[in-house]
Amino acid sequence: MKTLLQDLIKGLWKENPILVLLLGTCPTLATTSSGTNGFAMGIATTCVLCGSNFVISCIAGIVPQKIRIPVYIVVIATFVSVIDMLMQAFAPSTVYNALGIFIPLIVVNCIVLGRAEAFASKHGPLRSIFDGIGMGLGFTLALTLLGALREFLSSGSVFEVKIITPWTTDFLLVSAAPGAFIIVGVILAAKNYFARRAAVKQGKLYIPPAGLDCHSCSICKLEEK
């Protein structure tokens, strides 16, 4: 039970797909123009994660290694098609149209395929479902937070509810993809700052996630040249 709980909560913060692993950046920047759109995209991805993780965990032992990736993609594409049709039938048309092509593109979302290859193919169905739920919820929370922030900074509203009524002109930079990129950078900087500060208080050395430290960056070397 403890292991299942760890599989569930690790995706919320410790291994958050966006804030830690920096996966799924394309839908993150493109579909978070509002809190509603970010939440809808996150829920759709969570459903695909849970379903594909379960099926892949069940068939991993009988799928030849040489064709495992194409098989995984077919499984993921099946769930994406189901979610796409359900959203087209039941989701508000404004939300479905706003997400557009990014619903079918969940098929190639590195979060989904990454969890299939790294986790579901190596663990049992129950743990794979909990891993899918945890990673999906972490993705949903990050998208919803980013969407709500962009919506508020752009038009003074949150979840299409006007908070600052005199605000009549939208701030276009925040509502565009470059604005999302800037806000994600600020959130990552704040997260790393508080993580470093907490480590210092505990007398520990803060080690950034792999690939996000200065040793993985060559900007300084380029500037020196």
C-alpha atoms as a PDB file:
ATOM      1  CA  MET A   1       0.000   0.000   0.000  1.00  0.00           C
ATOM      2  CA  LYS A   2       2.873   2.355   0.802  1.00  0.00           C
ATOM      3  CA  THR A   3       4.419   1.666  -2.605  1.00  0.00           C
ATOM      4  CA  LEU A   4       1.142   2.457  -4.362  1.00  0.00           C
ATOM      5  CA  LEU A   5       0.875   5.723  -2.450  1.00  0.00           C
ATOM      6  CA  GLN A   6       4.421   6.658  -3.451  1.00  0.00           C
ATOM      7  CA  ASP A   7       3.604   5.888  -7.090  1.00  0.00           C
ATOM      8  CA  LEU A   8       0.575   8.151  -6.797  1.00  0.00           C
ATOM      9  CA  ILE A   9       2.123  11.204  -5.126  1.00  0.00           C
ATOM     10  CA  LYS A  10       5.540  11.284  -6.797  1.00  0.00           C
ATOM     11  CA  GLY A  11       4.088  12.828  -9.947  1.00  0.00           C
ATOM     12  CA  LEU A  12       2.442  15.648  -8.028  1.00  0.00           C
ATOM     13  CA  TRP A  13       5.703  17.303  -6.989  1.00  0.00           C
ATOM     14  CA  LYS A  14       8.885  15.215  -6.731  1.00  0.00           C
ATOM     15  CA  GLU A  15       8.692  13.993 -10.344  1.00  0.00           C
ATOM     16  CA  ASN A  16       6.196  16.472 -11.755  1.00  0.00           C
ATOM     17  CA  PRO A  17       6.264  16.042 -15.559  1.00  0.00           C
ATOM     18  CA  ILE A  18       6.432  19.795 -16.247  1.00  0.00           C
ATOM     19  CA  LEU A  19       8.004  21.420 -13.189  1.00  0.00           C
ATOM     20  CA  VAL A  20      10.735  18.810 -12.686  1.00  0.00           C
ATOM     21  CA  LEU A  21      11.111  16.584 -15.745  1.00  0.00           C
ATOM     22  CA  LEU A  22      10.220  19.310 -18.283  1.00  0.00           C
ATOM     23  CA  LEU A  23       8.177  16.913 -20.424  1.00  0.00           C
ATOM     24  CA  GLY A  24       5.161  17.807 -22.535  1.00  0.00           C
ATOM     25  CA  THR A  25       6.353  21.361 -23.123  1.00  0.00           C
ATOM     26  CA  CYS A  26       4.531  21.756 -26.456  1.00  0.00           C
ATOM     27  CA  PRO A  27       0.955  21.270 -25.122  1.00  0.00           C
ATOM     28  CA  THR A  28       1.950  23.149 -21.977  1.00  0.00           C
ATOM     29  CA  LEU A  29       2.756  26.303 -23.911  1.00  0.00           C
ATOM     30  CA  ALA A  30       0.011  25.958 -26.512  1.00  0.00           C
ATOM     31  CA  THR A  31      -3.091  24.907 -24.561  1.00  0.00           C
ATOM     32  CA  THR A  32      -2.824  26.920 -21.343  1.00  0.00           C
ATOM     33  CA  SER A  33      -4.337  30.171 -22.540  1.00  0.00           C
ATOM     34  CA  SER A  34      -6.926  29.728 -19.777  1.00  0.00           C
ATOM     35  CA  GLY A  35      -7.380  27.651 -16.641  1.00  0.00           C
ATOM     36  CA  THR A  36     -10.290  25.763 -18.232  1.00  0.00           C
ATOM     37  CA  ASN A  37      -8.260  24.731 -21.286  1.00  0.00           C
ATOM     38  CA  GLY A  38      -5.309  23.654 -19.157  1.00  0.00           C
ATOM     39  CA  PHE A  39      -7.543  21.579 -16.891  1.00  0.00           C
ATOM     40  CA  ALA A  40      -9.288  19.900 -19.844  1.00  0.00           C
ATOM     41  CA  MET A  41      -5.979  19.036 -21.506  1.00  0.00           C
ATOM     42  CA  GLY A  42      -4.631  17.633 -18.248  1.00  0.00           C
ATOM     43  CA  ILE A  43      -7.674  15.436 -17.621  1.00  0.00           C
ATOM     44  CA  ALA A  44      -7.572  14.102 -21.194  1.00  0.00           C
ATOM     45  CA  THR A  45      -3.891  13.213 -20.815  1.00  0.00           C
ATOM     46  CA  THR A  46      -4.530  11.604 -17.418  1.00  0.00           C
ATOM     47  CA  CYS A  47      -7.203   9.315 -18.882  1.00  0.00           C
ATOM     48  CA  VAL A  48      -4.863   8.278 -21.693  1.00  0.00           C
ATOM     49  CA  LEU A  49      -2.025   7.680 -19.209  1.00  0.00           C
ATOM     50  CA  CYS A  50      -4.127   5.445 -16.976  1.00  0.00           C
ATOM     51  CA  GLY A  51      -5.579   3.385 -19.813  1.00  0.00           C
ATOM     52  CA  SER A  52      -2.366   2.968 -21.789  1.00  0.00           C
ATOM     53  CA  ASN A  53      -0.296   2.191 -18.683  1.00  0.00           C
ATOM     54  CA  PHE A  54      -2.730  -0.564 -17.698  1.00  0.00           C
ATOM     55  CA  VAL A  55      -2.831  -2.220 -21.132  1.00  0.00           C
ATOM     56  CA  ILE A  56       0.903  -1.920 -21.751  1.00  0.00           C
ATOM     57  CA  SER A  57       1.632  -3.412 -18.331  1.00  0.00           C
ATOM     58  CA  CYS A  58      -0.573  -6.380 -19.213  1.00  0.00           C
ATOM     59  CA  ILE A  59       0.954  -7.049 -22.649  1.00  0.00           C
ATOM     60  CA  ALA A  60       4.585  -6.083 -21.973  1.00  0.00           C
ATOM     61  CA  GLY A  61       5.593  -9.706 -21.367  1.00  0.00           C
ATOM     62  CA  ILE A  62       4.316 -10.956 -24.731  1.00  0.00           C
ATOM     63  CA  VAL A  63       5.395  -8.077 -26.998  1.00  0.00           C
ATOM     64  CA  PRO A  64       8.750  -8.658 -28.771  1.00  0.00           C
ATOM     65  CA  GLN A  65      11.371  -6.091 -27.802  1.00  0.00           C
ATOM     66  CA  LYS A  66      12.033  -5.026 -31.396  1.00  0.00           C
ATOM     67  CA  ILE A  67       8.453  -3.831 -31.964  1.00  0.00           C
ATOM     68  CA  ARG A  68       7.530  -2.680 -28.473  1.00  0.00           C
ATOM     69  CA  ILE A  69       7.526   1.056 -29.296  1.00  0.00           C
ATOM     70  CA  PRO A  70       5.176   0.725 -32.335  1.00  0.00           C
ATOM     71  CA  VAL A  71       2.881  -1.481 -30.258  1.00  0.00           C
ATOM     72  CA  TYR A  72       2.870   1.034 -27.406  1.00  0.00           C
ATOM     73  CA  ILE A  73       2.030   3.832 -29.843  1.00  0.00           C
ATOM     74  CA  VAL A  74      -0.901   1.838 -31.239  1.00  0.00           C
ATOM     75  CA  VAL A  75      -2.232   1.274 -27.719  1.00  0.00           C
ATOM     76  CA  ILE A  76      -1.844   4.959 -26.841  1.00  0.00           C
ATOM     77  CA  ALA A  77      -3.443   6.031 -30.149  1.00  0.00           C
ATOM     78  CA  THR A  78      -6.474   3.848 -29.383  1.00  0.00           C
ATOM     79  CA  PHE A  79      -7.094   5.566 -26.053  1.00  0.00           C
ATOM     80  CA  VAL A  80      -6.467   8.988 -27.579  1.00  0.00           C
ATOM     81  CA  SER A  81      -9.081   8.286 -30.259  1.00  0.00           C
ATOM     82  CA  VAL A  82     -11.614   7.288 -27.598  1.00  0.00           C
ATOM     83  CA  ILE A  83     -10.900  10.393 -25.489  1.00  0.00           C
ATOM     84  CA  ASP A  84     -11.061  12.608 -28.586  1.00  0.00           C
ATOM     85  CA  MET A  85     -14.500  11.290 -29.533  1.00  0.00           C
ATOM     86  CA  LEU A  86     -15.786  11.582 -25.955  1.00  0.00           C
ATOM     87  CA  MET A  87     -14.602  15.178 -25.714  1.00  0.00           C
ATOM     88  CA  GLN A  88     -16.109  15.999 -29.080  1.00  0.00           C
ATOM     89  CA  ALA A  89     -19.422  14.575 -27.886  1.00  0.00           C
ATOM     90  CA  PHE A  90     -19.607  15.890 -24.325  1.00  0.00           C
ATOM     91  CA  ALA A  91     -17.062  18.685 -23.773  1.00  0.00           C
ATOM     92  CA  PRO A  92     -18.077  22.309 -24.432  1.00  0.00           C
ATOM     93  CA  SER A  93     -17.389  23.209 -28.047  1.00  0.00           C
ATOM     94  CA  THR A  94     -15.284  26.201 -27.010  1.00  0.00           C
ATOM     95  CA  VAL A  95     -12.918  23.983 -25.013  1.00  0.00           C
ATOM     96  CA  TYR A  96     -12.726  21.258 -27.676  1.00  0.00           C
ATOM     97  CA  ASN A  97     -12.043  23.786 -30.436  1.00  0.00           C
ATOM     98  CA  ALA A  98      -9.435  25.586 -28.310  1.00  0.00           C
ATOM     99  CA  LEU A  99      -7.489  22.374 -27.717  1.00  0.00           C
ATOM    100  CA  GLY A 100      -7.808  21.451 -31.387  1.00  0.00           C
ATOM    101  CA  ILE A 101      -4.992  19.349 -32.810  1.00  0.00           C
ATOM    102  CA  PHE A 102      -3.335  18.937 -29.402  1.00  0.00           C
ATOM    103  CA  ILE A 103      -5.829  16.242 -28.372  1.00  0.00           C
ATOM    104  CA  PRO A 104      -4.744  13.862 -31.180  1.00  0.00           C
ATOM    105  CA  LEU A 105      -1.134  14.854 -30.519  1.00  0.00           C
ATOM    106  CA  ILE A 106      -1.323  13.209 -27.083  1.00  0.00           C
ATOM    107  CA  VAL A 107      -0.264  10.119 -29.053  1.00  0.00           C
ATOM    108  CA  VAL A 108       3.259  11.518 -29.334  1.00  0.00           C
ATOM    109  CA  ASN A 109       3.312  13.231 -25.944  1.00  0.00           C
ATOM    110  CA  CYS A 110       6.626  12.237 -24.376  1.00  0.00           C
ATOM    111  CA  ILE A 111       4.990  11.931 -20.950  1.00  0.00           C
ATOM    112  CA  VAL A 112       2.658   9.149 -22.092  1.00  0.00           C
ATOM    113  CA  LEU A 113       5.202   7.208 -24.116  1.00  0.00           C
ATOM    114  CA  GLY A 114       7.879   7.811 -21.490  1.00  0.00           C
ATOM    115  CA  ARG A 115       5.796   6.323 -18.678  1.00  0.00           C
ATOM    116  CA  ALA A 116       4.877   3.372 -20.895  1.00  0.00           C
ATOM    117  CA  GLU A 117       8.528   2.585 -21.595  1.00  0.00           C
ATOM    118  CA  ALA A 118      10.046   3.531 -18.228  1.00  0.00           C
ATOM    119  CA  PHE A 119       7.377   2.279 -15.831  1.00  0.00           C
ATOM    120  CA  ALA A 120       4.355   0.407 -17.204  1.00  0.00           C
ATOM    121  CA  SER A 121       6.420  -2.108 -19.169  1.00  0.00           C
ATOM    122  CA  LYS A 122       8.374  -3.021 -16.022  1.00  0.00           C
ATOM    123  CA  HIS A 123       5.662  -3.116 -13.324  1.00  0.00           C
ATOM    124  CA  GLY A 124       2.297  -4.693 -12.641  1.00  0.00           C
ATOM    125  CA  PRO A 125      -1.070  -3.315 -13.785  1.00  0.00           C
ATOM    126  CA  LEU A 126      -2.086  -1.867 -10.406  1.00  0.00           C
ATOM    127  CA  ARG A 127       1.143   0.086  -9.877  1.00  0.00           C
ATOM    128  CA  SER A 128       1.025   1.233 -13.496  1.00  0.00           C
ATOM    129  CA  ILE A 129      -2.477   2.652 -13.006  1.00  0.00           C
ATOM    130  CA  PHE A 130      -1.399   4.533  -9.873  1.00  0.00           C
ATOM    131  CA  ASP A 131       1.667   5.840 -11.703  1.00  0.00           C
ATOM    132  CA  GLY A 132      -0.553   7.047 -14.553  1.00  0.00           C
ATOM    133  CA  ILE A 133      -2.946   8.770 -12.149  1.00  0.00           C
ATOM    134  CA  GLY A 134      -0.108  10.467 -10.246  1.00  0.00           C
ATOM    135  CA  MET A 135       1.726  11.682 -13.332  1.00  0.00           C
ATOM    136  CA  GLY A 136      -1.543  12.763 -14.924  1.00  0.00           C
ATOM    137  CA  LEU A 137      -2.648  14.717 -11.867  1.00  0.00           C
ATOM    138  CA  GLY A 138       0.748  16.398 -11.639  1.00  0.00           C
ATOM    139  CA  PHE A 139       0.475  17.354 -15.305  1.00  0.00           C
ATOM    140  CA  THR A 140      -3.099  18.587 -14.772  1.00  0.00           C
ATOM    141  CA  LEU A 141      -2.193  20.694 -11.741  1.00  0.00           C
ATOM    142  CA  ALA A 142       0.730  22.314 -13.561  1.00  0.00           C
ATOM    143  CA  LEU A 143      -1.359  23.065 -16.666  1.00  0.00           C
ATOM    144  CA  THR A 144      -4.260  24.418 -14.625  1.00  0.00           C
ATOM    145  CA  LEU A 145      -1.960  26.648 -12.553  1.00  0.00           C
ATOM    146  CA  LEU A 146      -0.206  27.970 -15.643  1.00  0.00           C
ATOM    147  CA  GLY A 147      -3.499  28.497 -17.484  1.00  0.00           C
ATOM    148  CA  ALA A 148      -5.075  30.338 -14.554  1.00  0.00           C
ATOM    149  CA  LEU A 149      -2.015  32.583 -14.194  1.00  0.00           C
ATOM    150  CA  ARG A 150      -1.935  33.405 -17.906  1.00  0.00           C
ATOM    151  CA  GLU A 151      -5.676  34.050 -17.980  1.00  0.00           C
ATOM    152  CA  PHE A 152      -5.483  36.389 -14.987  1.00  0.00           C
ATOM    153  CA  LEU A 153      -2.432  38.283 -16.221  1.00  0.00           C
ATOM    154  CA  SER A 154      -3.923  38.549 -19.686  1.00  0.00           C
ATOM    155  CA  SER A 155      -7.511  39.635 -18.975  1.00  0.00           C
ATOM    156  CA  GLY A 156      -8.006  39.804 -15.202  1.00  0.00           C
ATOM    157  CA  SER A 157     -10.207  36.702 -15.120  1.00  0.00           C
ATOM    158  CA  VAL A 158      -9.849  33.164 -13.758  1.00  0.00           C
ATOM    159  CA  PHE A 159     -11.781  30.223 -15.226  1.00  0.00           C
ATOM    160  CA  GLU A 160     -13.679  32.730 -17.385  1.00  0.00           C
ATOM    161  CA  VAL A 161     -14.881  34.613 -14.280  1.00  0.00           C
ATOM    162  CA  LYS A 162     -13.932  38.300 -14.379  1.00  0.00           C
ATOM    163  CA  ILE A 163     -11.978  39.185 -11.232  1.00  0.00           C
ATOM    164  CA  ILE A 164     -10.937  42.721 -12.215  1.00  0.00           C
ATOM    165  CA  THR A 165     -13.961  44.164 -14.000  1.00  0.00           C
ATOM    166  CA  PRO A 166     -12.337  47.440 -15.220  1.00  0.00           C
ATOM    167  CA  TRP A 167      -9.772  45.360 -17.141  1.00  0.00           C
ATOM    168  CA  THR A 168     -11.001  45.661 -20.730  1.00  0.00           C
ATOM    169  CA  THR A 169      -7.842  45.298 -22.881  1.00  0.00           C
ATOM    170  CA  ASP A 170      -6.067  41.936 -22.959  1.00  0.00           C
ATOM    171  CA  PHE A 171      -2.304  41.712 -22.424  1.00  0.00           C
ATOM    172  CA  LEU A 172      -1.371  39.873 -25.622  1.00  0.00           C
ATOM    173  CA  LEU A 173       2.142  38.769 -24.637  1.00  0.00           C
ATOM    174  CA  VAL A 174       0.885  36.644 -21.752  1.00  0.00           C
ATOM    175  CA  SER A 175      -1.880  35.087 -23.839  1.00  0.00           C
ATOM    176  CA  ALA A 176       0.616  34.023 -26.532  1.00  0.00           C
ATOM    177  CA  ALA A 177       3.062  31.090 -26.387  1.00  0.00           C
ATOM    178  CA  PRO A 178       6.114  33.294 -25.604  1.00  0.00           C
ATOM    179  CA  GLY A 179       4.290  34.567 -22.509  1.00  0.00           C
ATOM    180  CA  ALA A 180       3.684  30.989 -21.397  1.00  0.00           C
ATOM    181  CA  PHE A 181       7.385  30.239 -21.867  1.00  0.00           C
ATOM    182  CA  ILE A 182       8.334  33.204 -19.684  1.00  0.00           C
ATOM    183  CA  ILE A 183       5.874  32.244 -16.916  1.00  0.00           C
ATOM    184  CA  VAL A 184       7.079  28.622 -16.909  1.00  0.00           C
ATOM    185  CA  GLY A 185      10.631  29.911 -16.522  1.00  0.00           C
ATOM    186  CA  VAL A 186       9.628  32.111 -13.590  1.00  0.00           C
ATOM    187  CA  ILE A 187       7.811  29.188 -11.905  1.00  0.00           C
ATOM    188  CA  LEU A 188      10.849  26.913 -12.372  1.00  0.00           C
ATOM    189  CA  ALA A 189      13.170  29.592 -11.002  1.00  0.00           C
ATOM    190  CA  ALA A 190      10.969  30.085  -7.934  1.00  0.00           C
ATOM    191  CA  LYS A 191      10.705  26.338  -7.371  1.00  0.00           C
ATOM    192  CA  ASN A 192      14.475  25.862  -7.553  1.00  0.00           C
ATOM    193  CA  TYR A 193      15.059  28.876  -5.285  1.00  0.00           C
ATOM    194  CA  PHE A 194      12.848  27.507  -2.513  1.00  0.00           C
ATOM    195  CA  ALA A 195      14.251  23.996  -2.973  1.00  0.00           C
ATOM    196  CA  ARG A 196      17.796  25.356  -2.611  1.00  0.00           C
ATOM    197  CA  ARG A 197      16.793  27.428   0.407  1.00  0.00           C
ATOM    198  CA  ALA A 198      15.190  24.407   2.100  1.00  0.00           C
ATOM    199  CA  ALA A 199      18.312  22.323   1.457  1.00  0.00           C
ATOM    200  CA  VAL A 200      20.562  25.001   2.964  1.00  0.00           C
ATOM    201  CA  LYS A 201      18.411  25.184   6.113  1.00  0.00           C
ATOM    202  CA  GLN A 202      18.762  21.421   6.524  1.00  0.00           C
ATOM    203  CA  GLY A 203      22.526  21.620   6.004  1.00  0.00           C
ATOM    204  CA  LYS A 204      22.348  19.637   2.766  1.00  0.00           C
ATOM    205  CA  LEU A 205      23.707  20.269  -0.703  1.00  0.00           C
ATOM    206  CA  TYR A 206      20.983  21.108  -3.218  1.00  0.00           C
ATOM    207  CA  ILE A 207      21.391  19.066  -6.388  1.00  0.00           C
ATOM    208  CA  PRO A 208      19.185  20.191  -9.312  1.00  0.00           C
ATOM    209  CA  PRO A 209      17.361  17.508 -11.333  1.00  0.00           C
ATOM    210  CA  ALA A 210      19.488  15.816 -13.970  1.00  0.00           C
ATOM    211  CA  GLY A 211      19.832  17.998 -17.037  1.00  0.00           C
ATOM    212  CA  LEU A 212      18.787  21.188 -15.255  1.00  0.00           C
ATOM    213  CA  ASP A 213      22.095  22.191 -13.662  1.00  0.00           C
ATOM    214  CA  CYS A 214      24.927  24.382 -14.920  1.00  0.00           C
ATOM    215  CA  HIS A 215      26.963  21.349 -15.981  1.00  0.00           C
ATOM    216  CA  SER A 216      24.341  20.602 -18.661  1.00  0.00           C
ATOM    217  CA  CYS A 217      24.353  24.155 -20.048  1.00  0.00           C
ATOM    218  CA  SER A 218      26.825  25.537 -22.592  1.00  0.00           C
ATOM    219  CA  ILE A 219      25.579  29.152 -22.762  1.00  0.00           C
ATOM    220  CA  CYS A 220      28.483  30.490 -20.660  1.00  0.00           C
ATOM    221  CA  LYS A 221      31.008  28.740 -22.892  1.00  0.00           C
ATOM    222  CA  LEU A 222      29.398  30.209 -25.991  1.00  0.00           C
ATOM    223  CA  GLU A 223      29.537  33.689 -24.469  1.00  0.00           C
ATOM    224  CA  GLU A 224      33.216  33.284 -23.617  1.00  0.00           C
ATOM    225  CA  LYS A 225      33.962  32.474 -27.243  1.00  0.00           C
END
